[in-house]
Amino acid sequence: YHDCTLYSTLMPCFLCAGAVVQFQIPRVIVGESRTFPGARDFMEAHGVRVIDYDLERCRLMMETFIQEYPDLWYEDIGEK
């Protein structure tokens, strides 16, 4: 995984960021981090290059999902 790039709609959570660090994935490209800030600082502190494109289409997709499925969303991020 040392020469891989991980692509994600959202900023990875701490669980996923831990896997990024453990497997030494050097780059993470993120669609947006407004709906979920995730663990950017953790990854960067471990030498991962994180690029957040802050794409409107990703943000709108996530906002729509959160609005339509709030119970699933908040359960998934551990807030319910």
PDB file of N, CA and C in Angstrom:
ATOM      1  N   TYR A   1       0.810  -1.214   0.000  1.00  0.00           N
ATOM      2  CA  TYR A   1       0.000   0.000   0.000  1.00  0.00           C
ATOM      3  C   TYR A   1       0.846   1.267   0.000  1.00  0.00           C
ATOM      4  N   HIS A   2       2.148   1.126   0.015  1.00  0.00           N
ATOM      5  CA  HIS A   2       3.054   2.263   0.163  1.00  0.00           C
ATOM      6  C   HIS A   2       3.007   3.246  -0.996  1.00  0.00           C
ATOM      7  N   ASP A   3       2.498   2.818  -2.138  1.00  0.00           N
ATOM      8  CA  ASP A   3       2.414   3.740  -3.269  1.00  0.00           C
ATOM      9  C   ASP A   3       0.967   3.967  -3.716  1.00  0.00           C
ATOM     10  N   CYS A   4       0.032   3.705  -2.820  1.00  0.00           N
ATOM     11  CA  CYS A   4      -1.402   3.850  -3.129  1.00  0.00           C
ATOM     12  C   CYS A   4      -1.919   5.234  -2.732  1.00  0.00           C
ATOM     13  N   THR A   5      -3.042   5.575  -3.311  1.00  0.00           N
ATOM     14  CA  THR A   5      -3.801   6.755  -2.918  1.00  0.00           C
ATOM     15  C   THR A   5      -5.207   6.294  -2.580  1.00  0.00           C
ATOM     16  N   LEU A   6      -5.715   6.695  -1.422  1.00  0.00           N
ATOM     17  CA  LEU A   6      -7.082   6.367  -1.025  1.00  0.00           C
ATOM     18  C   LEU A   6      -7.977   7.536  -1.407  1.00  0.00           C
ATOM     19  N   TYR A   7      -9.083   7.239  -2.080  1.00  0.00           N
ATOM     20  CA  TYR A   7     -10.069   8.251  -2.464  1.00  0.00           C
ATOM     21  C   TYR A   7     -11.334   8.030  -1.646  1.00  0.00           C
ATOM     22  N   SER A   8     -11.872   9.110  -1.077  1.00  0.00           N
ATOM     23  CA  SER A   8     -13.043   8.992  -0.219  1.00  0.00           C
ATOM     24  C   SER A   8     -13.958  10.199  -0.417  1.00  0.00           C
ATOM     25  N   THR A   9     -15.263   9.948  -0.401  1.00  0.00           N
ATOM     26  CA  THR A   9     -16.221  11.047  -0.484  1.00  0.00           C
ATOM     27  C   THR A   9     -16.087  11.962   0.725  1.00  0.00           C
ATOM     28  N   LEU A  10     -15.909  11.348   1.906  1.00  0.00           N
ATOM     29  CA  LEU A  10     -15.794  12.084   3.166  1.00  0.00           C
ATOM     30  C   LEU A  10     -14.397  11.963   3.737  1.00  0.00           C
ATOM     31  N   MET A  11     -14.077  12.843   4.678  1.00  0.00           N
ATOM     32  CA  MET A  11     -12.838  12.710   5.423  1.00  0.00           C
ATOM     33  C   MET A  11     -12.939  11.425   6.245  1.00  0.00           C
ATOM     34  N   PRO A  12     -11.933  10.565   6.184  1.00  0.00           N
ATOM     35  CA  PRO A  12     -11.989   9.314   6.941  1.00  0.00           C
ATOM     36  C   PRO A  12     -12.150   9.546   8.450  1.00  0.00           C
ATOM     37  N   CYS A  13     -12.904   8.659   9.070  1.00  0.00           N
ATOM     38  CA  CYS A  13     -13.070   8.683  10.522  1.00  0.00           C
ATOM     39  C   CYS A  13     -11.777   8.170  11.165  1.00  0.00           C
ATOM     40  N   PHE A  14     -11.721   8.162  12.493  1.00  0.00           N
ATOM     41  CA  PHE A  14     -10.514   7.697  13.170  1.00  0.00           C
ATOM     42  C   PHE A  14     -10.243   6.217  12.916  1.00  0.00           C
ATOM     43  N   LEU A  15     -11.275   5.406  12.802  1.00  0.00           N
ATOM     44  CA  LEU A  15     -11.073   3.984  12.525  1.00  0.00           C
ATOM     45  C   LEU A  15     -10.419   3.807  11.156  1.00  0.00           C
ATOM     46  N   CYS A  16     -10.950   4.465  10.145  1.00  0.00           N
ATOM     47  CA  CYS A  16     -10.379   4.363   8.797  1.00  0.00           C
ATOM     48  C   CYS A  16      -9.010   5.029   8.730  1.00  0.00           C
ATOM     49  N   ALA A  17      -8.853   6.156   9.412  1.00  0.00           N
ATOM     50  CA  ALA A  17      -7.554   6.837   9.438  1.00  0.00           C
ATOM     51  C   ALA A  17      -6.498   5.956  10.089  1.00  0.00           C
ATOM     52  N   GLY A  18      -6.896   5.186  11.099  1.00  0.00           N
ATOM     53  CA  GLY A  18      -5.965   4.252  11.730  1.00  0.00           C
ATOM     54  C   GLY A  18      -5.477   3.213  10.741  1.00  0.00           C
ATOM     55  N   ALA A  19      -6.367   2.732   9.886  1.00  0.00           N
ATOM     56  CA  ALA A  19      -5.977   1.762   8.861  1.00  0.00           C
ATOM     57  C   ALA A  19      -5.051   2.418   7.839  1.00  0.00           C
ATOM     58  N   VAL A  20      -5.328   3.665   7.475  1.00  0.00           N
ATOM     59  CA  VAL A  20      -4.461   4.394   6.548  1.00  0.00           C
ATOM     60  C   VAL A  20      -3.042   4.472   7.122  1.00  0.00           C
ATOM     61  N   VAL A  21      -2.939   4.847   8.390  1.00  0.00           N
ATOM     62  CA  VAL A  21      -1.633   4.965   9.035  1.00  0.00           C
ATOM     63  C   VAL A  21      -0.979   3.592   9.186  1.00  0.00           C
ATOM     64  N   GLN A  22      -1.735   2.605   9.652  1.00  0.00           N
ATOM     65  CA  GLN A  22      -1.183   1.263   9.858  1.00  0.00           C
ATOM     66  C   GLN A  22      -0.606   0.675   8.575  1.00  0.00           C
ATOM     67  N   PHE A  23      -1.318   0.847   7.467  1.00  0.00           N
ATOM     68  CA  PHE A  23      -0.862   0.275   6.204  1.00  0.00           C
ATOM     69  C   PHE A  23       0.003   1.246   5.397  1.00  0.00           C
ATOM     70  N   GLN A  24       0.316   2.379   6.012  1.00  0.00           N
ATOM     71  CA  GLN A  24       1.233   3.369   5.444  1.00  0.00           C
ATOM     72  C   GLN A  24       0.806   3.844   4.048  1.00  0.00           C
ATOM     73  N   ILE A  25      -0.478   4.120   3.919  1.00  0.00           N
ATOM     74  CA  ILE A  25      -0.992   4.717   2.692  1.00  0.00           C
ATOM     75  C   ILE A  25      -0.585   6.194   2.716  1.00  0.00           C
ATOM     76  N   PRO A  26       0.177   6.643   1.742  1.00  0.00           N
ATOM     77  CA  PRO A  26       0.770   7.985   1.847  1.00  0.00           C
ATOM     78  C   PRO A  26      -0.139   9.158   1.494  1.00  0.00           C
ATOM     79  N   ARG A  27      -1.221   8.907   0.737  1.00  0.00           N
ATOM     80  CA  ARG A  27      -2.080   9.996   0.270  1.00  0.00           C
ATOM     81  C   ARG A  27      -3.551   9.641   0.417  1.00  0.00           C
ATOM     82  N   VAL A  28      -4.331  10.645   0.833  1.00  0.00           N
ATOM     83  CA  VAL A  28      -5.781  10.497   0.907  1.00  0.00           C
ATOM     84  C   VAL A  28      -6.397  11.698   0.202  1.00  0.00           C
ATOM     85  N   ILE A  29      -7.239  11.424  -0.786  1.00  0.00           N
ATOM     86  CA  ILE A  29      -7.967  12.470  -1.514  1.00  0.00           C
ATOM     87  C   ILE A  29      -9.414  12.415  -1.045  1.00  0.00           C
ATOM     88  N   VAL A  30      -9.934  13.564  -0.619  1.00  0.00           N
ATOM     89  CA  VAL A  30     -11.256  13.629  -0.002  1.00  0.00           C
ATOM     90  C   VAL A  30     -12.164  14.546  -0.813  1.00  0.00           C
ATOM     91  N   GLY A  31     -13.411  14.116  -1.009  1.00  0.00           N
ATOM     92  CA  GLY A  31     -14.379  14.938  -1.724  1.00  0.00           C
ATOM     93  C   GLY A  31     -14.820  16.151  -0.933  1.00  0.00           C
ATOM     94  N   GLU A  32     -15.054  15.960   0.369  1.00  0.00           N
ATOM     95  CA  GLU A  32     -15.457  17.077   1.224  1.00  0.00           C
ATOM     96  C   GLU A  32     -15.349  16.672   2.689  1.00  0.00           C
ATOM     97  N   SER A  33     -15.207  17.675   3.553  1.00  0.00           N
ATOM     98  CA  SER A  33     -15.107  17.404   4.993  1.00  0.00           C
ATOM     99  C   SER A  33     -16.002  18.324   5.814  1.00  0.00           C
ATOM    100  N   ARG A  34     -16.930  19.007   5.176  1.00  0.00           N
ATOM    101  CA  ARG A  34     -17.829  19.905   5.916  1.00  0.00           C
ATOM    102  C   ARG A  34     -18.882  19.127   6.699  1.00  0.00           C
ATOM    103  N   THR A  35     -19.426  18.066   6.104  1.00  0.00           N
ATOM    104  CA  THR A  35     -20.460  17.302   6.800  1.00  0.00           C
ATOM    105  C   THR A  35     -19.870  16.399   7.872  1.00  0.00           C
ATOM    106  N   PHE A  36     -18.588  16.055   7.731  1.00  0.00           N
ATOM    107  CA  PHE A  36     -17.908  15.203   8.712  1.00  0.00           C
ATOM    108  C   PHE A  36     -16.413  15.517   8.665  1.00  0.00           C
ATOM    109  N   PRO A  37     -15.885  16.176   9.715  1.00  0.00           N
ATOM    110  CA  PRO A  37     -14.487  16.593   9.677  1.00  0.00           C
ATOM    111  C   PRO A  37     -13.484  15.448   9.799  1.00  0.00           C
ATOM    112  N   GLY A  38     -13.892  14.329  10.378  1.00  0.00           N
ATOM    113  CA  GLY A  38     -13.040  13.154  10.423  1.00  0.00           C
ATOM    114  C   GLY A  38     -11.731  13.341  11.161  1.00  0.00           C
ATOM    115  N   ALA A  39     -10.710  12.629  10.702  1.00  0.00           N
ATOM    116  CA  ALA A  39      -9.442  12.543  11.428  1.00  0.00           C
ATOM    117  C   ALA A  39      -8.268  13.077  10.607  1.00  0.00           C
ATOM    118  N   ARG A  40      -8.466  14.199   9.976  1.00  0.00           N
ATOM    119  CA  ARG A  40      -7.410  14.784   9.144  1.00  0.00           C
ATOM    120  C   ARG A  40      -6.137  15.037   9.938  1.00  0.00           C
ATOM    121  N   ASP A  41      -6.262  15.681  11.087  1.00  0.00           N
ATOM    122  CA  ASP A  41      -5.083  16.011  11.886  1.00  0.00           C
ATOM    123  C   ASP A  41      -4.305  14.758  12.273  1.00  0.00           C
ATOM    124  N   PHE A  42      -5.017  13.703  12.628  1.00  0.00           N
ATOM    125  CA  PHE A  42      -4.374  12.440  13.003  1.00  0.00           C
ATOM    126  C   PHE A  42      -3.542  11.896  11.837  1.00  0.00           C
ATOM    127  N   MET A  43      -4.136  11.860  10.656  1.00  0.00           N
ATOM    128  CA  MET A  43      -3.412  11.335   9.495  1.00  0.00           C
ATOM    129  C   MET A  43      -2.203  12.207   9.169  1.00  0.00           C
ATOM    130  N   GLU A  44      -2.405  13.522   9.151  1.00  0.00           N
ATOM    131  CA  GLU A  44      -1.294  14.416   8.830  1.00  0.00           C
ATOM    132  C   GLU A  44      -0.175  14.308   9.865  1.00  0.00           C
ATOM    133  N   ALA A  45      -0.532  14.115  11.132  1.00  0.00           N
ATOM    134  CA  ALA A  45       0.477  13.955  12.185  1.00  0.00           C
ATOM    135  C   ALA A  45       1.323  12.701  11.970  1.00  0.00           C
ATOM    136  N   HIS A  46       0.777  11.758  11.200  1.00  0.00           N
ATOM    137  CA  HIS A  46       1.506  10.525  10.900  1.00  0.00           C
ATOM    138  C   HIS A  46       2.083  10.527   9.481  1.00  0.00           C
ATOM    139  N   GLY A  47       2.192  11.703   8.902  1.00  0.00           N
ATOM    140  CA  GLY A  47       2.874  11.845   7.617  1.00  0.00           C
ATOM    141  C   GLY A  47       2.034  11.593   6.375  1.00  0.00           C
ATOM    142  N   VAL A  48       0.727  11.449   6.539  1.00  0.00           N
ATOM    143  CA  VAL A  48      -0.152  11.222   5.391  1.00  0.00           C
ATOM    144  C   VAL A  48      -0.468  12.574   4.742  1.00  0.00           C
ATOM    145  N   ARG A  49      -0.363  12.639   3.442  1.00  0.00           N
ATOM    146  CA  ARG A  49      -0.751  13.852   2.713  1.00  0.00           C
ATOM    147  C   ARG A  49      -2.248  13.775   2.456  1.00  0.00           C
ATOM    148  N   VAL A  50      -2.994  14.739   2.992  1.00  0.00           N
ATOM    149  CA  VAL A  50      -4.450  14.764   2.857  1.00  0.00           C
ATOM    150  C   VAL A  50      -4.840  15.949   1.978  1.00  0.00           C
ATOM    151  N   ILE A  51      -5.582  15.666   0.924  1.00  0.00           N
ATOM    152  CA  ILE A  51      -6.055  16.717   0.016  1.00  0.00           C
ATOM    153  C   ILE A  51      -7.579  16.705   0.044  1.00  0.00           C
ATOM    154  N   ASP A  52      -8.164  17.810   0.442  1.00  0.00           N
ATOM    155  CA  ASP A  52      -9.617  17.946   0.533  1.00  0.00           C
ATOM    156  C   ASP A  52     -10.074  18.852  -0.608  1.00  0.00           C
ATOM    157  N   TYR A  53     -10.785  18.278  -1.581  1.00  0.00           N
ATOM    158  CA  TYR A  53     -11.259  19.057  -2.724  1.00  0.00           C
ATOM    159  C   TYR A  53     -12.468  19.931  -2.389  1.00  0.00           C
ATOM    160  N   ASP A  54     -13.125  19.676  -1.268  1.00  0.00           N
ATOM    161  CA  ASP A  54     -14.284  20.476  -0.856  1.00  0.00           C
ATOM    162  C   ASP A  54     -15.272  20.638  -2.017  1.00  0.00           C
ATOM    163  N   LEU A  55     -15.655  19.513  -2.618  1.00  0.00           N
ATOM    164  CA  LEU A  55     -16.550  19.520  -3.774  1.00  0.00           C
ATOM    165  C   LEU A  55     -18.005  19.714  -3.353  1.00  0.00           C
ATOM    166  N   GLU A  56     -18.661  20.660  -4.000  1.00  0.00           N
ATOM    167  CA  GLU A  56     -20.061  20.934  -3.692  1.00  0.00           C
ATOM    168  C   GLU A  56     -20.937  19.697  -3.924  1.00  0.00           C
ATOM    169  N   ARG A  57     -20.691  18.953  -4.991  1.00  0.00           N
ATOM    170  CA  ARG A  57     -21.528  17.790  -5.293  1.00  0.00           C
ATOM    171  C   ARG A  57     -21.403  16.712  -4.215  1.00  0.00           C
ATOM    172  N   CYS A  58     -20.226  16.566  -3.630  1.00  0.00           N
ATOM    173  CA  CYS A  58     -20.068  15.605  -2.531  1.00  0.00           C
ATOM    174  C   CYS A  58     -20.799  16.104  -1.291  1.00  0.00           C
ATOM    175  N   ARG A  59     -20.652  17.398  -0.992  1.00  0.00           N
ATOM    176  CA  ARG A  59     -21.333  17.965   0.172  1.00  0.00           C
ATOM    177  C   ARG A  59     -22.844  17.849   0.028  1.00  0.00           C
ATOM    178  N   LEU A  60     -23.372  18.178  -1.136  1.00  0.00           N
ATOM    179  CA  LEU A  60     -24.822  18.086  -1.352  1.00  0.00           C
ATOM    180  C   LEU A  60     -25.309  16.642  -1.259  1.00  0.00           C
ATOM    181  N   MET A  61     -24.535  15.709  -1.788  1.00  0.00           N
ATOM    182  CA  MET A  61     -24.904  14.301  -1.689  1.00  0.00           C
ATOM    183  C   MET A  61     -24.978  13.866  -0.232  1.00  0.00           C
ATOM    184  N   MET A  62     -23.984  14.256   0.571  1.00  0.00           N
ATOM    185  CA  MET A  62     -23.972  13.858   1.980  1.00  0.00           C
ATOM    186  C   MET A  62     -25.069  14.578   2.759  1.00  0.00           C
ATOM    187  N   GLU A  63     -25.290  15.847   2.495  1.00  0.00           N
ATOM    188  CA  GLU A  63     -26.370  16.565   3.182  1.00  0.00           C
ATOM    189  C   GLU A  63     -27.718  15.929   2.887  1.00  0.00           C
ATOM    190  N   THR A  64     -27.935  15.513   1.646  1.00  0.00           N
ATOM    191  CA  THR A  64     -29.180  14.841   1.274  1.00  0.00           C
ATOM    192  C   THR A  64     -29.310  13.509   2.002  1.00  0.00           C
ATOM    193  N   PHE A  65     -28.237  12.737   2.026  1.00  0.00           N
ATOM    194  CA  PHE A  65     -28.254  11.447   2.732  1.00  0.00           C
ATOM    195  C   PHE A  65     -28.560  11.651   4.208  1.00  0.00           C
ATOM    196  N   ILE A  66     -27.905  12.618   4.847  1.00  0.00           N
ATOM    197  CA  ILE A  66     -28.119  12.876   6.277  1.00  0.00           C
ATOM    198  C   ILE A  66     -29.563  13.290   6.531  1.00  0.00           C
ATOM    199  N   GLN A  67     -30.113  14.105   5.648  1.00  0.00           N
ATOM    200  CA  GLN A  67     -31.498  14.552   5.806  1.00  0.00           C
ATOM    201  C   GLN A  67     -32.481  13.391   5.641  1.00  0.00           C
ATOM    202  N   GLU A  68     -32.217  12.507   4.693  1.00  0.00           N
ATOM    203  CA  GLU A  68     -33.135  11.404   4.418  1.00  0.00           C
ATOM    204  C   GLU A  68     -32.976  10.234   5.390  1.00  0.00           C
ATOM    205  N   TYR A  69     -31.770  10.037   5.921  1.00  0.00           N
ATOM    206  CA  TYR A  69     -31.491   8.895   6.794  1.00  0.00           C
ATOM    207  C   TYR A  69     -30.750   9.322   8.052  1.00  0.00           C
ATOM    208  N   PRO A  70     -31.330  10.231   8.849  1.00  0.00           N
ATOM    209  CA  PRO A  70     -30.595  10.742  10.015  1.00  0.00           C
ATOM    210  C   PRO A  70     -30.250   9.656  11.037  1.00  0.00           C
ATOM    211  N   ASP A  71     -31.143   8.713  11.268  1.00  0.00           N
ATOM    212  CA  ASP A  71     -30.852   7.664  12.247  1.00  0.00           C
ATOM    213  C   ASP A  71     -29.646   6.835  11.827  1.00  0.00           C
ATOM    214  N   LEU A  72     -29.587   6.476  10.569  1.00  0.00           N
ATOM    215  CA  LEU A  72     -28.459   5.697  10.059  1.00  0.00           C
ATOM    216  C   LEU A  72     -27.164   6.504  10.131  1.00  0.00           C
ATOM    217  N   TRP A  73     -27.220   7.758   9.737  1.00  0.00           N
ATOM    218  CA  TRP A  73     -26.033   8.609   9.751  1.00  0.00           C
ATOM    219  C   TRP A  73     -25.475   8.764  11.161  1.00  0.00           C
ATOM    220  N   TYR A  74     -26.328   9.151  12.116  1.00  0.00           N
ATOM    221  CA  TYR A  74     -25.833   9.407  13.466  1.00  0.00           C
ATOM    222  C   TYR A  74     -25.395   8.132  14.171  1.00  0.00           C
ATOM    223  N   GLU A  75     -26.012   7.022  13.831  1.00  0.00           N
ATOM    224  CA  GLU A  75     -25.535   5.731  14.359  1.00  0.00           C
ATOM    225  C   GLU A  75     -24.153   5.425  13.796  1.00  0.00           C
ATOM    226  N   ASP A  76     -23.968   5.662  12.509  1.00  0.00           N
ATOM    227  CA  ASP A  76     -22.712   5.355  11.848  1.00  0.00           C
ATOM    228  C   ASP A  76     -21.555   6.179  12.409  1.00  0.00           C
ATOM    229  N   ILE A  77     -21.800   7.449  12.720  1.00  0.00           N
ATOM    230  CA  ILE A  77     -20.714   8.282  13.238  1.00  0.00           C
ATOM    231  C   ILE A  77     -20.646   8.261  14.767  1.00  0.00           C
ATOM    232  N   GLY A  78     -21.457   7.412  15.404  1.00  0.00           N
ATOM    233  CA  GLY A  78     -21.367   7.215  16.849  1.00  0.00           C
ATOM    234  C   GLY A  78     -21.958   8.320  17.684  1.00  0.00           C
ATOM    235  N   GLU A  79     -22.952   8.999  17.172  1.00  0.00           N
ATOM    236  CA  GLU A  79     -23.590  10.071  17.917  1.00  0.00           C
ATOM    237  C   GLU A  79     -25.011   9.738  18.336  1.00  0.00           C
ATOM    238  N   LYS A  80     -25.370   8.458  18.278  1.00  0.00           N
ATOM    239  CA  LYS A  80     -26.725   8.077  18.689  1.00  0.00           C
ATOM    240  C   LYS A  80     -26.706   6.763  19.383  1.00  0.00           C
TER     241      LYS A  80
END
